PDB file of N, CA and C in Angstrom:
ATOM      1  N   MET A   1    -126.307 -65.180 131.853  1.00  0.00           N
ATOM      2  CA  MET A   1    -124.971 -65.684 131.427  1.00  0.00           C
ATOM      3  C   MET A   1    -124.618 -65.025 130.103  1.00  0.00           C
ATOM      4  N   LYS A   2    -123.332 -64.734 129.978  1.00  0.00           N
ATOM      5  CA  LYS A   2    -122.848 -64.054 128.813  1.00  0.00           C
ATOM      6  C   LYS A   2    -122.887 -65.013 127.642  1.00  0.00           C
ATOM      7  N   LYS A   3    -123.262 -64.564 126.371  1.00  0.00           N
ATOM      8  CA  LYS A   3    -123.278 -65.370 125.240  1.00  0.00           C
ATOM      9  C   LYS A   3    -121.831 -65.794 124.837  1.00  0.00           C
ATOM     10  N   LEU A   4    -121.637 -67.072 124.508  1.00  0.00           N
ATOM     11  CA  LEU A   4    -120.351 -67.497 124.064  1.00  0.00           C
ATOM     12  C   LEU A   4    -120.045 -67.036 122.649  1.00  0.00           C
ATOM     13  N   LEU A   5    -118.831 -66.558 122.423  1.00  0.00           N
ATOM     14  CA  LEU A   5    -118.430 -66.154 121.089  1.00  0.00           C
ATOM     15  C   LEU A   5    -118.183 -67.349 120.201  1.00  0.00           C
ATOM     16  N   GLN A   6    -118.272 -67.036 118.895  1.00  0.00           N
ATOM     17  CA  GLN A   6    -118.017 -68.055 117.915  1.00  0.00           C
ATOM     18  C   GLN A   6    -117.267 -67.444 116.759  1.00  0.00           C
ATOM     19  N   GLY A   7    -116.665 -68.325 115.971  1.00  0.00           N
ATOM     20  CA  GLY A   7    -116.064 -67.906 114.705  1.00  0.00           C
ATOM     21  C   GLY A   7    -114.952 -66.913 114.840  1.00  0.00           C
ATOM     22  N   GLU A   8    -114.987 -65.884 113.992  1.00  0.00           N
ATOM     23  CA  GLU A   8    -113.992 -64.826 113.969  1.00  0.00           C
ATOM     24  C   GLU A   8    -113.885 -64.028 115.185  1.00  0.00           C
ATOM     25  N   ALA A   9    -115.034 -63.793 115.860  1.00  0.00           N
ATOM     26  CA  ALA A   9    -115.119 -62.955 117.087  1.00  0.00           C
ATOM     27  C   ALA A   9    -114.382 -63.765 118.214  1.00  0.00           C
ATOM     28  N   LEU A  10    -114.590 -65.072 118.205  1.00  0.00           N
ATOM     29  CA  LEU A  10    -113.888 -65.937 119.176  1.00  0.00           C
ATOM     30  C   LEU A  10    -112.424 -65.931 119.026  1.00  0.00           C
ATOM     31  N   GLU A  11    -112.066 -66.065 117.791  1.00  0.00           N
ATOM     32  CA  GLU A  11    -110.582 -66.076 117.457  1.00  0.00           C
ATOM     33  C   GLU A  11    -109.957 -64.816 117.827  1.00  0.00           C
ATOM     34  N   LYS A  12    -110.605 -63.667 117.544  1.00  0.00           N
ATOM     35  CA  LYS A  12    -110.129 -62.326 117.854  1.00  0.00           C
ATOM     36  C   LYS A  12    -109.958 -62.148 119.364  1.00  0.00           C
ATOM     37  N   ARG A  13    -110.944 -62.559 120.146  1.00  0.00           N
ATOM     38  CA  ARG A  13    -110.949 -62.430 121.613  1.00  0.00           C
ATOM     39  C   ARG A  13    -109.803 -63.386 122.182  1.00  0.00           C
ATOM     40  N   ALA A  14    -109.657 -64.534 121.565  1.00  0.00           N
ATOM     41  CA  ALA A  14    -108.576 -65.488 122.113  1.00  0.00           C
ATOM     42  C   ALA A  14    -107.256 -64.810 121.825  1.00  0.00           C
ATOM     43  N   ILE A  15    -107.023 -64.173 120.726  1.00  0.00           N
ATOM     44  CA  ILE A  15    -105.691 -63.542 120.396  1.00  0.00           C
ATOM     45  C   ILE A  15    -105.511 -62.349 121.346  1.00  0.00           C
ATOM     46  N   GLU A  16    -106.583 -61.588 121.641  1.00  0.00           N
ATOM     47  CA  GLU A  16    -106.440 -60.475 122.605  1.00  0.00           C
ATOM     48  C   GLU A  16    -105.976 -60.961 124.017  1.00  0.00           C
ATOM     49  N   LEU A  17    -106.496 -62.105 124.406  1.00  0.00           N
ATOM     50  CA  LEU A  17    -106.237 -62.644 125.690  1.00  0.00           C
ATOM     51  C   LEU A  17    -104.850 -63.426 125.662  1.00  0.00           C
ATOM     52  N   GLY A  18    -104.284 -63.664 124.560  1.00  0.00           N
ATOM     53  CA  GLY A  18    -103.045 -64.373 124.486  1.00  0.00           C
ATOM     54  C   GLY A  18    -103.203 -65.853 124.527  1.00  0.00           C
ATOM     55  N   CYS A  19    -104.421 -66.346 124.190  1.00  0.00           N
ATOM     56  CA  CYS A  19    -104.636 -67.812 124.164  1.00  0.00           C
ATOM     57  C   CYS A  19    -104.044 -68.492 122.918  1.00  0.00           C
ATOM     58  N   ASP A  20    -103.702 -69.668 123.055  1.00  0.00           N
ATOM     59  CA  ASP A  20    -103.263 -70.494 121.909  1.00  0.00           C
ATOM     60  C   ASP A  20    -104.421 -70.844 121.057  1.00  0.00           C
ATOM     61  N   ILE A  21    -104.452 -70.489 119.778  1.00  0.00           N
ATOM     62  CA  ILE A  21    -105.585 -70.738 118.969  1.00  0.00           C
ATOM     63  C   ILE A  21    -105.400 -71.997 118.086  1.00  0.00           C
ATOM     64  N   GLN A  22    -104.247 -72.610 118.216  1.00  0.00           N
ATOM     65  CA  GLN A  22    -103.909 -73.784 117.391  1.00  0.00           C
ATOM     66  C   GLN A  22    -104.695 -75.015 117.912  1.00  0.00           C
ATOM     67  N   GLY A  23    -104.872 -75.874 116.889  1.00  0.00           N
ATOM     68  CA  GLY A  23    -105.610 -77.145 117.223  1.00  0.00           C
ATOM     69  C   GLY A  23    -104.594 -78.220 117.678  1.00  0.00           C
ATOM     70  N   ASP A  24    -104.638 -79.386 117.007  1.00  0.00           N
ATOM     71  CA  ASP A  24    -103.726 -80.470 117.420  1.00  0.00           C
ATOM     72  C   ASP A  24    -102.259 -80.088 117.124  1.00  0.00           C
ATOM     73  N   PRO A  25    -101.384 -80.744 117.948  1.00  0.00           N
ATOM     74  CA  PRO A  25     -99.928 -80.489 117.704  1.00  0.00           C
ATOM     75  C   PRO A  25     -99.519 -80.945 116.251  1.00  0.00           C
ATOM     76  N   ILE A  26     -98.484 -80.320 115.738  1.00  0.00           N
ATOM     77  CA  ILE A  26     -98.088 -80.570 114.317  1.00  0.00           C
ATOM     78  C   ILE A  26     -97.720 -82.015 114.076  1.00  0.00           C
ATOM     79  N   THR A  27     -97.289 -82.727 115.133  1.00  0.00           N
ATOM     80  CA  THR A  27     -96.920 -84.091 115.009  1.00  0.00           C
ATOM     81  C   THR A  27     -98.130 -84.994 114.692  1.00  0.00           C
ATOM     82  N   ARG A  28     -99.306 -84.485 115.106  1.00  0.00           N
ATOM     83  CA  ARG A  28    -100.555 -85.342 114.935  1.00  0.00           C
ATOM     84  C   ARG A  28    -101.312 -84.886 113.637  1.00  0.00           C
ATOM     85  N   SER A  29    -100.957 -83.722 113.069  1.00  0.00           N
ATOM     86  CA  SER A  29    -101.685 -83.152 111.940  1.00  0.00           C
ATOM     87  C   SER A  29    -101.260 -83.950 110.666  1.00  0.00           C
ATOM     88  N   SER A  30    -102.247 -84.356 109.904  1.00  0.00           N
ATOM     89  CA  SER A  30    -101.930 -85.153 108.664  1.00  0.00           C
ATOM     90  C   SER A  30    -101.408 -84.231 107.619  1.00  0.00           C
ATOM     91  N   SER A  31    -101.688 -82.968 107.588  1.00  0.00           N
ATOM     92  CA  SER A  31    -101.255 -82.025 106.607  1.00  0.00           C
ATOM     93  C   SER A  31     -99.873 -81.449 106.912  1.00  0.00           C
ATOM     94  N   GLY A  32     -99.403 -81.590 108.208  1.00  0.00           N
ATOM     95  CA  GLY A  32     -98.176 -81.091 108.624  1.00  0.00           C
ATOM     96  C   GLY A  32     -98.233 -79.588 109.001  1.00  0.00           C
ATOM     97  N   ARG A  33     -99.438 -79.059 109.031  1.00  0.00           N
ATOM     98  CA  ARG A  33     -99.682 -77.730 109.412  1.00  0.00           C
ATOM     99  C   ARG A  33    -100.602 -77.644 110.610  1.00  0.00           C
ATOM    100  N   HIS A  34    -100.512 -76.559 111.355  1.00  0.00           N
ATOM    101  CA  HIS A  34    -101.413 -76.412 112.478  1.00  0.00           C
ATOM    102  C   HIS A  34    -102.777 -75.882 111.980  1.00  0.00           C
ATOM    103  N   SER A  35    -103.844 -76.423 112.398  1.00  0.00           N
ATOM    104  CA  SER A  35    -105.169 -75.952 112.179  1.00  0.00           C
ATOM    105  C   SER A  35    -105.641 -75.208 113.388  1.00  0.00           C
ATOM    106  N   ARG A  36    -106.688 -74.362 113.145  1.00  0.00           N
ATOM    107  CA  ARG A  36    -107.228 -73.619 114.280  1.00  0.00           C
ATOM    108  C   ARG A  36    -108.005 -74.610 115.120  1.00  0.00           C
ATOM    109  N   ALA A  37    -107.975 -74.438 116.436  1.00  0.00           N
ATOM    110  CA  ALA A  37    -108.780 -75.209 117.337  1.00  0.00           C
ATOM    111  C   ALA A  37    -110.253 -75.067 117.050  1.00  0.00           C
ATOM    112  N   ASP A  38    -111.042 -76.081 117.343  1.00  0.00           N
ATOM    113  CA  ASP A  38    -112.475 -75.903 117.131  1.00  0.00           C
ATOM    114  C   ASP A  38    -113.001 -74.993 118.180  1.00  0.00           C
ATOM    115  N   ASP A  39    -114.230 -74.453 117.862  1.00  0.00           N
ATOM    116  CA  ASP A  39    -114.801 -73.433 118.742  1.00  0.00           C
ATOM    117  C   ASP A  39    -114.948 -73.849 120.185  1.00  0.00           C
ATOM    118  N   SER A  40    -115.283 -75.042 120.489  1.00  0.00           N
ATOM    119  CA  SER A  40    -115.551 -75.481 121.854  1.00  0.00           C
ATOM    120  C   SER A  40    -114.273 -75.477 122.664  1.00  0.00           C
ATOM    121  N   LYS A  41    -113.149 -75.907 121.996  1.00  0.00           N
ATOM    122  CA  LYS A  41    -111.828 -75.850 122.739  1.00  0.00           C
ATOM    123  C   LYS A  41    -111.382 -74.424 122.904  1.00  0.00           C
ATOM    124  N   LEU A  42    -111.622 -73.591 121.900  1.00  0.00           N
ATOM    125  CA  LEU A  42    -111.186 -72.168 122.003  1.00  0.00           C
ATOM    126  C   LEU A  42    -112.074 -71.447 123.012  1.00  0.00           C
ATOM    127  N   GLN A  43    -113.330 -71.809 123.085  1.00  0.00           N
ATOM    128  CA  GLN A  43    -114.227 -71.205 124.109  1.00  0.00           C
ATOM    129  C   GLN A  43    -113.731 -71.503 125.522  1.00  0.00           C
ATOM    130  N   LYS A  44    -113.290 -72.738 125.776  1.00  0.00           N
ATOM    131  CA  LYS A  44    -112.826 -73.162 127.011  1.00  0.00           C
ATOM    132  C   LYS A  44    -111.497 -72.359 127.397  1.00  0.00           C
ATOM    133  N   ARG A  45    -110.654 -72.260 126.391  1.00  0.00           N
ATOM    134  CA  ARG A  45    -109.440 -71.424 126.644  1.00  0.00           C
ATOM    135  C   ARG A  45    -109.728 -69.990 126.985  1.00  0.00           C
ATOM    136  N   VAL A  46    -110.636 -69.410 126.256  1.00  0.00           N
ATOM    137  CA  VAL A  46    -111.024 -67.958 126.494  1.00  0.00           C
ATOM    138  C   VAL A  46    -111.633 -67.846 127.826  1.00  0.00           C
ATOM    139  N   ILE A  47    -112.541 -68.743 128.263  1.00  0.00           N
ATOM    140  CA  ILE A  47    -113.184 -68.714 129.577  1.00  0.00           C
ATOM    141  C   ILE A  47    -112.088 -68.817 130.639  1.00  0.00           C
ATOM    142  N   GLU A  48    -111.204 -69.689 130.458  1.00  0.00           N
ATOM    143  CA  GLU A  48    -110.120 -69.867 131.479  1.00  0.00           C
ATOM    144  C   GLU A  48    -109.272 -68.633 131.593  1.00  0.00           C
ATOM    145  N   ALA A  49    -108.944 -68.077 130.449  1.00  0.00           N
ATOM    146  CA  ALA A  49    -108.125 -66.847 130.489  1.00  0.00           C
ATOM    147  C   ALA A  49    -108.876 -65.660 131.211  1.00  0.00           C
ATOM    148  N   GLU A  50    -110.144 -65.468 130.916  1.00  0.00           N
ATOM    149  CA  GLU A  50    -110.918 -64.470 131.493  1.00  0.00           C
ATOM    150  C   GLU A  50    -111.070 -64.704 133.002  1.00  0.00           C
ATOM    151  N   ARG A  51    -111.288 -66.000 133.368  1.00  0.00           N
ATOM    152  CA  ARG A  51    -111.354 -66.292 134.793  1.00  0.00           C
ATOM    153  C   ARG A  51    -110.037 -65.927 135.516  1.00  0.00           C
ATOM    154  N   SER A  52    -108.989 -66.223 134.912  1.00  0.00           N
ATOM    155  CA  SER A  52    -107.650 -65.886 135.463  1.00  0.00           C
ATOM    156  C   SER A  52    -107.467 -64.440 135.697  1.00  0.00           C
ATOM    157  N   ILE A  53    -107.877 -63.598 134.720  1.00  0.00           N
ATOM    158  CA  ILE A  53    -107.806 -62.166 134.902  1.00  0.00           C
ATOM    159  C   ILE A  53    -108.695 -61.674 136.023  1.00  0.00           C
ATOM    160  N   ARG A  54    -109.913 -62.217 136.091  1.00  0.00           N
ATOM    161  CA  ARG A  54    -110.902 -61.886 137.156  1.00  0.00           C
ATOM    162  C   ARG A  54    -110.249 -62.173 138.514  1.00  0.00           C
ATOM    163  N   GLU A  55    -109.645 -63.391 138.671  1.00  0.00           N
ATOM    164  CA  GLU A  55    -109.144 -63.853 139.919  1.00  0.00           C
ATOM    165  C   GLU A  55    -107.949 -62.952 140.333  1.00  0.00           C
ATOM    166  N   SER A  56    -107.187 -62.557 139.390  1.00  0.00           N
ATOM    167  CA  SER A  56    -106.034 -61.658 139.841  1.00  0.00           C
ATOM    168  C   SER A  56    -106.560 -60.271 140.270  1.00  0.00           C
ATOM    169  N   ARG A  57    -107.671 -59.821 139.705  1.00  0.00           N
ATOM    170  CA  ARG A  57    -108.218 -58.572 140.152  1.00  0.00           C
ATOM    171  C   ARG A  57    -108.806 -58.734 141.542  1.00  0.00           C
ATOM    172  N   ILE A  58    -109.468 -59.882 141.825  1.00  0.00           N
ATOM    173  CA  ILE A  58    -110.049 -60.116 143.173  1.00  0.00           C
ATOM    174  C   ILE A  58    -108.956 -60.208 144.197  1.00  0.00           C
ATOM    175  N   TRP A  59    -107.800 -60.772 143.814  1.00  0.00           N
ATOM    176  CA  TRP A  59    -106.724 -60.862 144.757  1.00  0.00           C
ATOM    177  C   TRP A  59    -106.188 -59.486 145.167  1.00  0.00           C
ATOM    178  N   ILE A  60    -106.156 -58.625 144.259  1.00  0.00           N
ATOM    179  CA  ILE A  60    -105.696 -57.230 144.547  1.00  0.00           C
ATOM    180  C   ILE A  60    -106.689 -56.543 145.501  1.00  0.00           C
ATOM    181  N   PHE A  61    -107.982 -56.736 145.222  1.00  0.00           N
ATOM    182  CA  PHE A  61    -109.024 -56.200 146.119  1.00  0.00           C
ATOM    183  C   PHE A  61    -108.951 -56.756 147.494  1.00  0.00           C
ATOM    184  N   ALA A  62    -108.717 -58.076 147.601  1.00  0.00           N
ATOM    185  CA  ALA A  62    -108.561 -58.716 148.936  1.00  0.00           C
ATOM    186  C   ALA A  62    -107.311 -58.188 149.676  1.00  0.00           C
ATOM    187  N   PHE A  63    -106.262 -57.937 148.961  1.00  0.00           N
ATOM    188  CA  PHE A  63    -105.068 -57.355 149.583  1.00  0.00           C
ATOM    189  C   PHE A  63    -105.336 -55.976 150.220  1.00  0.00           C
ATOM    190  N   PHE A  64    -105.997 -55.054 149.423  1.00  0.00           N
ATOM    191  CA  PHE A  64    -106.334 -53.766 149.914  1.00  0.00           C
ATOM    192  C   PHE A  64    -107.289 -53.817 151.077  1.00  0.00           C
ATOM    193  N   SER A  65    -108.205 -54.745 151.041  1.00  0.00           N
ATOM    194  CA  SER A  65    -109.210 -54.901 152.119  1.00  0.00           C
ATOM    195  C   SER A  65    -108.458 -55.285 153.414  1.00  0.00           C
ATOM    196  N   ALA A  66    -107.464 -56.203 153.293  1.00  0.00           N
ATOM    197  CA  ALA A  66    -106.707 -56.678 154.423  1.00  0.00           C
ATOM    198  C   ALA A  66    -105.885 -55.455 155.045  1.00  0.00           C
ATOM    199  N   CYS A  67    -105.345 -54.710 154.169  1.00  0.00           N
ATOM    200  CA  CYS A  67    -104.563 -53.508 154.592  1.00  0.00           C
ATOM    201  C   CYS A  67    -105.504 -52.575 155.315  1.00  0.00           C
ATOM    202  N   ALA A  68    -106.663 -52.308 154.854  1.00  0.00           N
ATOM    203  CA  ALA A  68    -107.680 -51.405 155.474  1.00  0.00           C
ATOM    204  C   ALA A  68    -108.028 -51.944 156.843  1.00  0.00           C
ATOM    205  N   SER A  69    -108.172 -53.305 156.920  1.00  0.00           N
ATOM    206  CA  SER A  69    -108.515 -53.875 158.222  1.00  0.00           C
ATOM    207  C   SER A  69    -107.419 -53.705 159.263  1.00  0.00           C
ATOM    208  N   ILE A  70    -106.137 -53.826 158.845  1.00  0.00           N
ATOM    209  CA  ILE A  70    -105.064 -53.710 159.746  1.00  0.00           C
ATOM    210  C   ILE A  70    -104.986 -52.214 160.255  1.00  0.00           C
ATOM    211  N   ILE A  71    -105.144 -51.249 159.325  1.00  0.00           N
ATOM    212  CA  ILE A  71    -105.178 -49.869 159.689  1.00  0.00           C
ATOM    213  C   ILE A  71    -106.313 -49.498 160.672  1.00  0.00           C
ATOM    214  N   SER A  72    -107.452 -50.098 160.432  1.00  0.00           N
ATOM    215  CA  SER A  72    -108.597 -49.940 161.337  1.00  0.00           C
ATOM    216  C   SER A  72    -108.304 -50.494 162.707  1.00  0.00           C
ATOM    217  N   ALA A  73    -107.714 -51.682 162.749  1.00  0.00           N
ATOM    218  CA  ALA A  73    -107.350 -52.320 164.045  1.00  0.00           C
ATOM    219  C   ALA A  73    -106.343 -51.468 164.756  1.00  0.00           C
ATOM    220  N   ILE A  74    -105.385 -50.949 164.104  1.00  0.00           N
ATOM    221  CA  ILE A  74    -104.350 -50.175 164.769  1.00  0.00           C
ATOM    222  C   ILE A  74    -104.981 -48.879 165.299  1.00  0.00           C
ATOM    223  N   THR A  75    -105.846 -48.241 164.469  1.00  0.00           N
ATOM    224  CA  THR A  75    -106.504 -47.044 164.930  1.00  0.00           C
ATOM    225  C   THR A  75    -107.416 -47.302 166.178  1.00  0.00           C
ATOM    226  N   ALA A  76    -108.067 -48.447 166.198  1.00  0.00           N
ATOM    227  CA  ALA A  76    -108.888 -48.813 167.390  1.00  0.00           C
ATOM    228  C   ALA A  76    -108.032 -49.028 168.634  1.00  0.00           C
ATOM    229  N   ILE A  77    -106.902 -49.667 168.464  1.00  0.00           N
ATOM    230  CA  ILE A  77    -105.973 -49.893 169.577  1.00  0.00           C
ATOM    231  C   ILE A  77    -105.409 -48.552 170.103  1.00  0.00           C
ATOM    232  N   ILE A  78    -105.080 -47.682 169.238  1.00  0.00           N
ATOM    233  CA  ILE A  78    -104.571 -46.365 169.605  1.00  0.00           C
ATOM    234  C   ILE A  78    -105.694 -45.590 170.401  1.00  0.00           C
ATOM    235  N   ALA A  79    -106.914 -45.701 169.933  1.00  0.00           N
ATOM    236  CA  ALA A  79    -107.983 -44.961 170.528  1.00  0.00           C
ATOM    237  C   ALA A  79    -108.295 -45.565 171.945  1.00  0.00           C
ATOM    238  N   VAL A  80    -108.115 -46.839 172.115  1.00  0.00           N
ATOM    239  CA  VAL A  80    -108.291 -47.434 173.453  1.00  0.00           C
ATOM    240  C   VAL A  80    -107.248 -47.071 174.436  1.00  0.00           C
ATOM    241  N   ILE A  81    -106.002 -47.119 173.870  1.00  0.00           N
ATOM    242  CA  ILE A  81    -104.871 -46.780 174.714  1.00  0.00           C
ATOM    243  C   ILE A  81    -104.819 -45.299 175.151  1.00  0.00           C
ATOM    244  N   SER A  82    -105.187 -44.417 174.239  1.00  0.00           N
ATOM    245  CA  SER A  82    -105.144 -42.980 174.646  1.00  0.00           C
ATOM    246  C   SER A  82    -106.306 -42.587 175.519  1.00  0.00           C
ATOM    247  N   ASP A  83    -107.303 -43.396 175.750  1.00  0.00           N
ATOM    248  CA  ASP A  83    -108.377 -42.938 176.661  1.00  0.00           C
ATOM    249  C   ASP A  83    -107.873 -42.980 178.031  1.00  0.00           C
TER     250      ASP A  83
END
């Protein structure tokens, strides 16, 4: 299993993936400013973003596999008909 990032490395990776790095909403913050989310919340967000990217890549692979299967089936039908 891949080691979970922490601190600055985690924040940098979250920004690269486009994750929200903010903590509690401003209406709940006592200082009136957004604080950075704690590492555990940020790790969950990064893991979800990476999973989403992986799933989108798998979908593309499945699509091309289905296309190859259709082409193979058509070729087999043509081979049977032309005999």
